[in-house]
Amino acid sequence: MPFTSLQTFNTANLTCPFARHTVRSLEVLDLLSPGLAVQAVIYVLTGNAEDVLDKLHDVDAGAANAIFCQPDISSWWRSPPMFAQKYQQRIQSASRARARLYAFANEAHALKLVRLGKVFSAACKGIHLRRIAEAPEWFLYLTVDALSTTCTQRGAHCRASMPPSWNFQLLNSLLAADQRPPLDALLVVLERRDHLYWRDFDGLLEWPDFTDFVLNNPRMTRRLIDELSISGRLSLLKVFDAHPLLAETFADIMVRLAVTGDRRVRIVAASQVIALPLPFKLPHLRLLMNKGTESERTRAVKLLAHSGDEVRRIFQARLKIEGAKPVLKALNQALARAK
């Protein structure tokens, strides 16, 4: 057993698979400073020796990013090349150990996983971290490391290769263990930038318990719109498109995105609103035609115009009270097409 600094570690039962994998995952910390590994293991497994986080703050962040293979979450690979090459075998061994750790982990290990994420965060210090959501750094490091070490086939569908225990409920359990809101889990699943050094993590959008959570938490889902970036809004629309029940339940969100904000989002949302059955979208579009801004009223008319003769009376009634020229033009064009 090459992990000499850990051979005297007796604080936890190392016959437990989670503990054994933790030891092998963290022994590389001794490359940064002798003795760090055993302290980090004690902290992760027991919660003791919490001062190791302060010690990790003092290590070389570039080297820490190298030993934890953090280009998978970073915007650029800037770790010391000589350092990474010199210890490549140990670094790869630690990465494989973390993959085995994540494959074994479940909700019962939530607190330990949280502490592992805090070890990553303290050592790597977010120097290359491209923030993908307003979630705690330890959560970003942990979830992306778990996915990138287990989804090793680049271009392969991530959901097919990730550990079965990794699901949306586990992400919520991790946040709850650190007294964080589940909104952070929603943000991490939805927020994505195409230029990040990520594998195919769109498989997360297909987690059955993720869609169940969205459906069963309507207030939180509606809050998302103000939290998500353009990328995140497009991810949410992708989920709605795959699940008709979600699309019908959150027709108000789709209508809102179809008339406001970024053009890319409007185009995607508009096509989905047009495809919705009239009873689900009509109340929201009528509300916009009555109380929206001039541009919102115009876009609402154009969206509703695709419903044909069914909305002719609505347009005729609106013509009598509408005063804005762009809206009047849209109304007249819609009525002409409906003849």
Protein backbone atom coordinates (compact mmCIF):
# COMPACT_ATOMS: atom_id res chain seq x y z
CA MET A 1 0.00 0.00 0.00
CA PRO A 2 1.80 3.15 -1.24
CA PHE A 3 -0.10 5.59 0.93
CA THR A 4 2.54 5.64 3.67
CA SER A 5 1.25 8.73 5.46
CA LEU A 6 -2.12 7.03 5.93
CA GLN A 7 -0.98 3.64 7.16
CA THR A 8 -1.40 4.74 10.76
CA PHE A 9 -4.88 6.12 10.21
CA ASN A 10 -7.16 4.42 12.74
CA THR A 11 -9.92 6.96 13.25
CA ALA A 12 -12.45 5.27 10.94
CA ASN A 13 -13.09 1.69 9.95
CA LEU A 14 -11.05 1.39 6.76
CA THR A 15 -12.75 -1.89 5.89
CA CYS A 16 -15.73 0.26 4.82
CA PRO A 17 -15.57 0.71 1.01
CA PHE A 18 -16.40 4.43 1.23
CA ALA A 19 -13.52 4.98 3.67
CA ARG A 20 -11.07 2.95 1.59
CA HIS A 21 -11.92 4.88 -1.56
CA THR A 22 -11.66 8.16 0.35
CA VAL A 23 -8.13 7.27 1.47
CA ARG A 24 -7.06 6.47 -2.08
CA SER A 25 -8.77 9.56 -3.44
CA LEU A 26 -7.02 11.97 -1.09
CA GLU A 27 -3.55 10.52 -0.63
CA VAL A 28 -2.31 12.81 -3.42
CA LEU A 29 -2.76 15.77 -1.07
CA ASP A 30 0.59 14.84 0.44
CA LEU A 31 2.12 16.04 -2.83
CA LEU A 32 1.11 19.52 -1.74
CA SER A 33 2.20 19.25 1.89
CA PRO A 34 3.14 16.17 3.97
CA GLY A 35 0.42 15.22 6.43
CA LEU A 36 -2.42 16.93 4.56
CA ALA A 37 -3.84 13.66 3.28
CA VAL A 38 -4.46 12.05 6.66
CA GLN A 39 -6.01 15.25 8.02
CA ALA A 40 -8.27 15.57 5.00
CA VAL A 41 -9.37 11.93 5.31
CA ILE A 42 -10.19 12.41 9.00
CA TYR A 43 -12.18 15.53 8.15
CA VAL A 44 -14.15 13.90 5.32
CA LEU A 45 -14.97 10.72 7.22
CA THR A 46 -15.60 12.13 10.71
CA GLY A 47 -15.98 15.91 10.51
CA ASN A 48 -13.02 16.32 12.86
CA ALA A 49 -9.78 18.13 11.94
CA GLU A 50 -11.79 20.87 10.22
CA ASP A 51 -8.74 23.14 10.39
CA VAL A 52 -7.40 21.20 7.42
CA LEU A 53 -9.52 23.52 5.27
CA ASP A 54 -7.44 26.48 6.46
CA LYS A 55 -4.27 24.56 5.64
CA LEU A 56 -5.59 23.73 2.19
CA HIS A 57 -6.21 27.43 1.60
CA ASP A 58 -2.46 27.93 1.94
CA VAL A 59 -1.38 25.37 -0.69
CA ASP A 60 -0.55 26.17 -4.31
CA ALA A 61 -3.94 26.37 -6.04
CA GLY A 62 -2.48 25.59 -9.46
CA ALA A 63 -0.94 22.38 -8.17
CA ALA A 64 -4.17 21.49 -6.38
CA ASN A 65 -6.11 21.91 -9.63
CA ALA A 66 -3.59 19.59 -11.29
CA ILE A 67 -3.84 16.79 -8.73
CA PHE A 68 -7.64 16.89 -8.75
CA CYS A 69 -7.77 16.97 -12.58
CA GLN A 70 -9.85 20.12 -12.41
CA PRO A 71 -9.78 21.09 -16.09
CA ASP A 72 -13.10 19.24 -16.13
CA ILE A 73 -14.68 22.16 -14.30
CA SER A 74 -12.26 24.94 -15.23
CA SER A 75 -12.34 27.45 -18.04
CA TRP A 76 -8.73 26.73 -18.98
CA TRP A 77 -6.07 24.12 -18.23
CA ARG A 78 -3.33 26.10 -16.50
CA SER A 79 -1.92 23.70 -13.95
CA PRO A 80 1.88 23.35 -13.73
CA PRO A 81 2.74 20.99 -16.63
CA MET A 82 5.92 19.61 -15.05
CA PHE A 83 4.10 18.91 -11.79
CA ALA A 84 1.27 17.13 -13.59
CA GLN A 85 3.67 15.05 -15.69
CA LYS A 86 5.91 14.11 -12.78
CA TYR A 87 3.03 12.74 -10.69
CA GLN A 88 0.76 11.64 -13.54
CA GLN A 89 0.42 8.05 -12.30
CA ARG A 90 -0.61 9.07 -8.78
CA ILE A 91 -2.98 11.73 -10.10
CA GLN A 92 -4.71 9.24 -12.40
CA SER A 93 -4.87 6.67 -9.61
CA ALA A 94 -6.61 9.22 -7.36
CA SER A 95 -9.06 10.06 -10.14
CA ARG A 96 -9.96 6.39 -10.57
CA ALA A 97 -10.40 6.10 -6.81
CA ARG A 98 -12.82 9.02 -6.81
CA ALA A 99 -14.81 7.35 -9.60
CA ARG A 100 -15.12 4.24 -7.41
CA LEU A 101 -16.04 6.43 -4.44
CA TYR A 102 -18.86 8.12 -6.35
CA ALA A 103 -20.10 4.79 -7.69
CA PHE A 104 -20.43 3.54 -4.11
CA ALA A 105 -21.79 6.75 -2.56
CA ASN A 106 -25.46 7.37 -1.86
CA GLU A 107 -27.66 9.62 0.30
CA ALA A 108 -26.34 7.98 3.47
CA HIS A 109 -22.94 9.52 2.68
CA ALA A 110 -24.28 13.04 2.05
CA LEU A 111 -22.37 14.76 4.87
CA LYS A 112 -19.12 13.05 3.91
CA LEU A 113 -19.57 14.06 0.27
CA VAL A 114 -20.23 17.65 1.32
CA ARG A 115 -16.97 17.65 3.27
CA LEU A 116 -15.16 16.16 0.26
CA GLY A 117 -16.47 18.99 -1.89
CA LYS A 118 -15.20 21.49 0.68
CA VAL A 119 -11.76 19.90 0.48
CA PHE A 120 -11.77 20.44 -3.30
CA SER A 121 -12.99 24.00 -2.93
CA ALA A 122 -10.46 24.93 -0.24
CA ALA A 123 -7.54 23.50 -2.20
CA CYS A 124 -8.47 24.73 -5.68
CA LYS A 125 -9.83 28.10 -4.49
CA GLY A 126 -11.96 28.64 -7.58
CA ILE A 127 -9.06 30.20 -9.50
CA HIS A 128 -10.12 28.58 -12.80
CA LEU A 129 -13.73 27.96 -11.92
CA ARG A 130 -16.16 29.29 -14.48
CA ARG A 131 -19.28 29.88 -12.46
CA ILE A 132 -22.26 28.12 -13.99
CA ALA A 133 -24.76 28.97 -11.29
CA GLU A 134 -25.03 30.87 -8.06
CA ALA A 135 -24.41 27.70 -6.09
CA PRO A 136 -21.72 27.10 -3.45
CA GLU A 137 -18.30 26.32 -4.89
CA TRP A 138 -17.99 23.05 -2.99
CA PHE A 139 -21.20 21.87 -4.67
CA LEU A 140 -19.98 22.79 -8.14
CA TYR A 141 -16.62 21.09 -7.57
CA LEU A 142 -18.16 17.93 -6.15
CA THR A 143 -20.95 17.41 -8.68
CA VAL A 144 -18.86 18.14 -11.74
CA ASP A 145 -15.98 16.01 -10.44
CA ALA A 146 -18.39 13.15 -9.75
CA LEU A 147 -19.84 13.35 -13.24
CA SER A 148 -16.59 13.92 -15.12
CA THR A 149 -14.76 11.06 -13.39
CA THR A 150 -17.59 8.58 -13.92
CA CYS A 151 -18.64 9.68 -17.42
CA THR A 152 -15.32 8.90 -19.02
CA GLN A 153 -16.48 8.36 -22.61
CA ARG A 154 -16.23 11.75 -24.27
CA GLY A 155 -19.25 12.28 -26.45
CA ALA A 156 -21.09 9.39 -24.81
CA HIS A 157 -24.41 9.95 -23.10
CA CYS A 158 -23.53 10.79 -19.51
CA ARG A 159 -26.67 9.44 -17.92
CA ALA A 160 -25.93 5.97 -19.29
CA SER A 161 -22.58 5.75 -17.49
CA MET A 162 -23.05 7.71 -14.29
CA PRO A 163 -23.59 5.77 -11.03
CA PRO A 164 -27.25 4.78 -10.47
CA SER A 165 -27.29 6.48 -7.07
CA TRP A 166 -26.49 9.85 -8.64
CA ASN A 167 -29.85 11.47 -9.23
CA PHE A 168 -31.59 14.72 -8.45
CA GLN A 169 -32.61 13.53 -4.99
CA LEU A 170 -28.96 12.94 -4.10
CA LEU A 171 -28.09 16.49 -5.19
CA ASN A 172 -30.88 17.78 -2.95
CA SER A 173 -29.62 15.63 -0.07
CA LEU A 174 -26.13 17.08 -0.45
CA LEU A 175 -27.48 20.62 -0.27
CA ALA A 176 -29.78 19.81 2.64
CA ALA A 177 -26.81 18.37 4.56
CA ASP A 178 -25.19 21.81 4.30
CA GLN A 179 -28.49 23.65 4.91
CA ARG A 180 -28.65 24.93 1.35
CA PRO A 181 -31.86 25.35 -0.71
CA PRO A 182 -32.81 22.87 -3.46
CA LEU A 183 -32.90 25.78 -5.90
CA ASP A 184 -29.11 25.40 -6.14
CA ALA A 185 -29.58 21.85 -7.46
CA LEU A 186 -32.01 23.09 -10.10
CA LEU A 187 -29.53 25.73 -11.21
CA VAL A 188 -26.64 23.29 -11.52
CA VAL A 189 -28.70 20.82 -13.57
CA LEU A 190 -30.04 23.50 -15.90
CA GLU A 191 -27.20 25.98 -16.24
CA ARG A 192 -24.70 25.14 -18.94
CA ARG A 193 -22.33 26.93 -21.27
CA ASP A 194 -21.44 25.12 -24.49
CA HIS A 195 -17.81 26.27 -24.36
CA LEU A 196 -17.16 24.71 -20.95
CA TYR A 197 -14.89 21.70 -20.85
CA TRP A 198 -17.81 19.41 -20.02
CA ARG A 199 -18.94 16.11 -21.37
CA ASP A 200 -22.52 15.43 -22.43
CA PHE A 201 -24.29 16.36 -19.20
CA ASP A 202 -27.65 16.98 -20.86
CA GLY A 203 -28.47 13.50 -19.58
CA LEU A 204 -29.14 15.19 -16.23
CA LEU A 205 -32.21 16.80 -17.77
CA GLU A 206 -33.61 13.31 -18.31
CA TRP A 207 -33.47 12.27 -14.66
CA PRO A 208 -37.07 11.16 -13.92
CA ASP A 209 -36.90 12.55 -10.40
CA PHE A 210 -35.73 15.88 -11.80
CA THR A 211 -38.87 16.33 -13.89
CA ASP A 212 -40.97 15.13 -10.94
CA PHE A 213 -39.36 17.78 -8.74
CA VAL A 214 -40.03 20.53 -11.30
CA LEU A 215 -43.67 19.48 -11.56
CA ASN A 216 -44.20 19.18 -7.79
CA ASN A 217 -42.53 22.50 -6.95
CA PRO A 218 -44.28 25.05 -9.18
CA ARG A 219 -43.41 28.11 -7.10
CA MET A 220 -39.71 27.27 -7.14
CA THR A 221 -39.83 26.49 -10.85
CA ARG A 222 -41.40 29.85 -11.61
CA ARG A 223 -38.70 31.57 -9.54
CA LEU A 224 -36.12 30.01 -11.84
CA ILE A 225 -36.83 32.40 -14.69
CA ASP A 226 -35.29 35.29 -12.80
CA GLU A 227 -32.27 33.19 -11.78
CA LEU A 228 -31.37 31.45 -15.05
CA SER A 229 -29.06 32.70 -17.77
CA ILE A 230 -29.92 32.38 -21.45
CA SER A 231 -28.26 28.95 -21.43
CA GLY A 232 -30.31 27.87 -18.41
CA ARG A 233 -33.58 29.10 -19.91
CA LEU A 234 -32.92 27.11 -23.06
CA SER A 235 -32.25 24.02 -20.92
CA LEU A 236 -35.55 24.51 -19.10
CA LEU A 237 -37.40 24.86 -22.41
CA LYS A 238 -35.77 21.62 -23.56
CA VAL A 239 -37.23 19.89 -20.49
CA PHE A 240 -40.69 21.36 -21.18
CA ASP A 241 -40.49 20.25 -24.80
CA ALA A 242 -39.79 16.65 -23.77
CA HIS A 243 -42.64 16.52 -21.25
CA PRO A 244 -46.08 17.74 -22.45
CA LEU A 245 -47.47 17.75 -18.91
CA LEU A 246 -44.73 20.16 -17.81
CA ALA A 247 -45.35 22.34 -20.87
CA GLU A 248 -49.06 22.57 -20.09
CA THR A 249 -48.46 23.19 -16.37
CA PHE A 250 -45.92 25.93 -17.01
CA ALA A 251 -47.51 27.48 -20.09
CA ASP A 252 -47.22 30.85 -18.33
CA ILE A 253 -43.42 30.51 -18.20
CA MET A 254 -43.24 29.54 -21.87
CA VAL A 255 -45.43 32.48 -22.87
CA ARG A 256 -43.32 34.87 -20.82
CA LEU A 257 -40.12 33.60 -22.44
CA ALA A 258 -41.71 33.81 -25.88
CA VAL A 259 -42.35 37.56 -25.60
CA THR A 260 -39.46 38.86 -23.49
CA GLY A 261 -35.71 38.68 -23.24
CA ASP A 262 -33.09 37.22 -25.55
CA ARG A 263 -34.03 36.53 -29.16
CA ARG A 264 -32.68 32.96 -29.06
CA VAL A 265 -34.92 32.15 -26.10
CA ARG A 266 -37.93 33.84 -27.71
CA ILE A 267 -37.59 31.80 -30.90
CA VAL A 268 -37.46 28.47 -29.04
CA ALA A 269 -40.22 29.40 -26.60
CA ALA A 270 -42.46 30.80 -29.37
CA SER A 271 -42.39 27.54 -31.33
CA GLN A 272 -43.37 25.64 -28.18
CA VAL A 273 -46.16 28.08 -27.33
CA ILE A 274 -47.55 27.79 -30.88
CA ALA A 275 -47.64 24.01 -30.47
CA LEU A 276 -49.52 24.18 -27.14
CA PRO A 277 -53.25 23.44 -27.12
CA LEU A 278 -55.19 26.72 -27.05
CA PRO A 279 -56.83 26.26 -23.60
CA PHE A 280 -53.42 26.22 -21.91
CA LYS A 281 -51.91 29.28 -23.57
CA LEU A 282 -54.94 31.48 -24.19
CA PRO A 283 -55.34 32.89 -20.64
CA HIS A 284 -51.69 33.97 -20.53
CA LEU A 285 -51.66 35.48 -24.01
CA ARG A 286 -54.93 37.35 -23.37
CA LEU A 287 -53.44 38.77 -20.18
CA LEU A 288 -50.44 40.02 -22.14
CA MET A 289 -52.66 41.56 -24.83
CA ASN A 290 -54.54 43.44 -22.11
CA LYS A 291 -51.73 44.45 -19.76
CA GLY A 292 -48.40 43.88 -21.52
CA THR A 293 -46.07 46.46 -22.99
CA GLU A 294 -46.49 47.44 -26.63
CA SER A 295 -43.90 44.89 -27.80
CA GLU A 296 -45.39 42.18 -25.55
CA ARG A 297 -48.88 42.84 -26.91
CA THR A 298 -47.59 42.68 -30.47
CA ARG A 299 -45.79 39.38 -29.89
CA ALA A 300 -48.78 37.94 -28.04
CA VAL A 301 -51.00 38.70 -31.05
CA LYS A 302 -48.54 37.08 -33.43
CA LEU A 303 -48.34 33.95 -31.28
CA LEU A 304 -52.11 33.70 -30.94
CA ALA A 305 -52.60 34.24 -34.67
CA HIS A 306 -51.41 30.67 -35.29
CA SER A 307 -54.60 29.41 -33.63
CA GLY A 308 -56.65 30.43 -36.65
CA ASP A 309 -60.36 31.19 -36.61
CA GLU A 310 -60.76 30.20 -32.97
CA VAL A 311 -59.31 33.53 -31.81
CA ARG A 312 -60.95 35.79 -34.42
CA ARG A 313 -63.46 37.23 -31.95
CA ILE A 314 -60.67 38.01 -29.47
CA PHE A 315 -58.78 39.97 -32.11
CA GLN A 316 -61.91 41.85 -33.21
CA ALA A 317 -62.65 42.85 -29.62
CA ARG A 318 -59.06 43.98 -29.11
CA LEU A 319 -59.15 46.15 -32.23
CA LYS A 320 -61.83 48.34 -30.64
CA ILE A 321 -59.66 49.35 -27.68
CA GLU A 322 -56.08 49.02 -28.93
CA GLY A 323 -54.28 52.27 -29.65
CA ALA A 324 -50.69 51.28 -30.48
CA LYS A 325 -49.95 51.17 -34.23
CA PRO A 326 -47.64 48.08 -34.13
CA VAL A 327 -50.27 46.11 -32.22
CA LEU A 328 -53.07 47.28 -34.55
CA LYS A 329 -50.99 46.22 -37.53
CA ALA A 330 -50.40 42.76 -36.00
CA LEU A 331 -54.13 42.43 -35.24
CA ASN A 332 -55.17 43.34 -38.78
CA GLN A 333 -52.62 40.97 -40.30
CA ALA A 334 -53.84 38.17 -38.01
CA LEU A 335 -57.46 38.78 -38.98
CA ALA A 336 -56.58 38.87 -42.68
CA ARG A 337 -54.84 35.50 -42.42
CA ALA A 338 -57.78 34.02 -40.53
CA LYS A 339 -60.27 34.79 -43.37
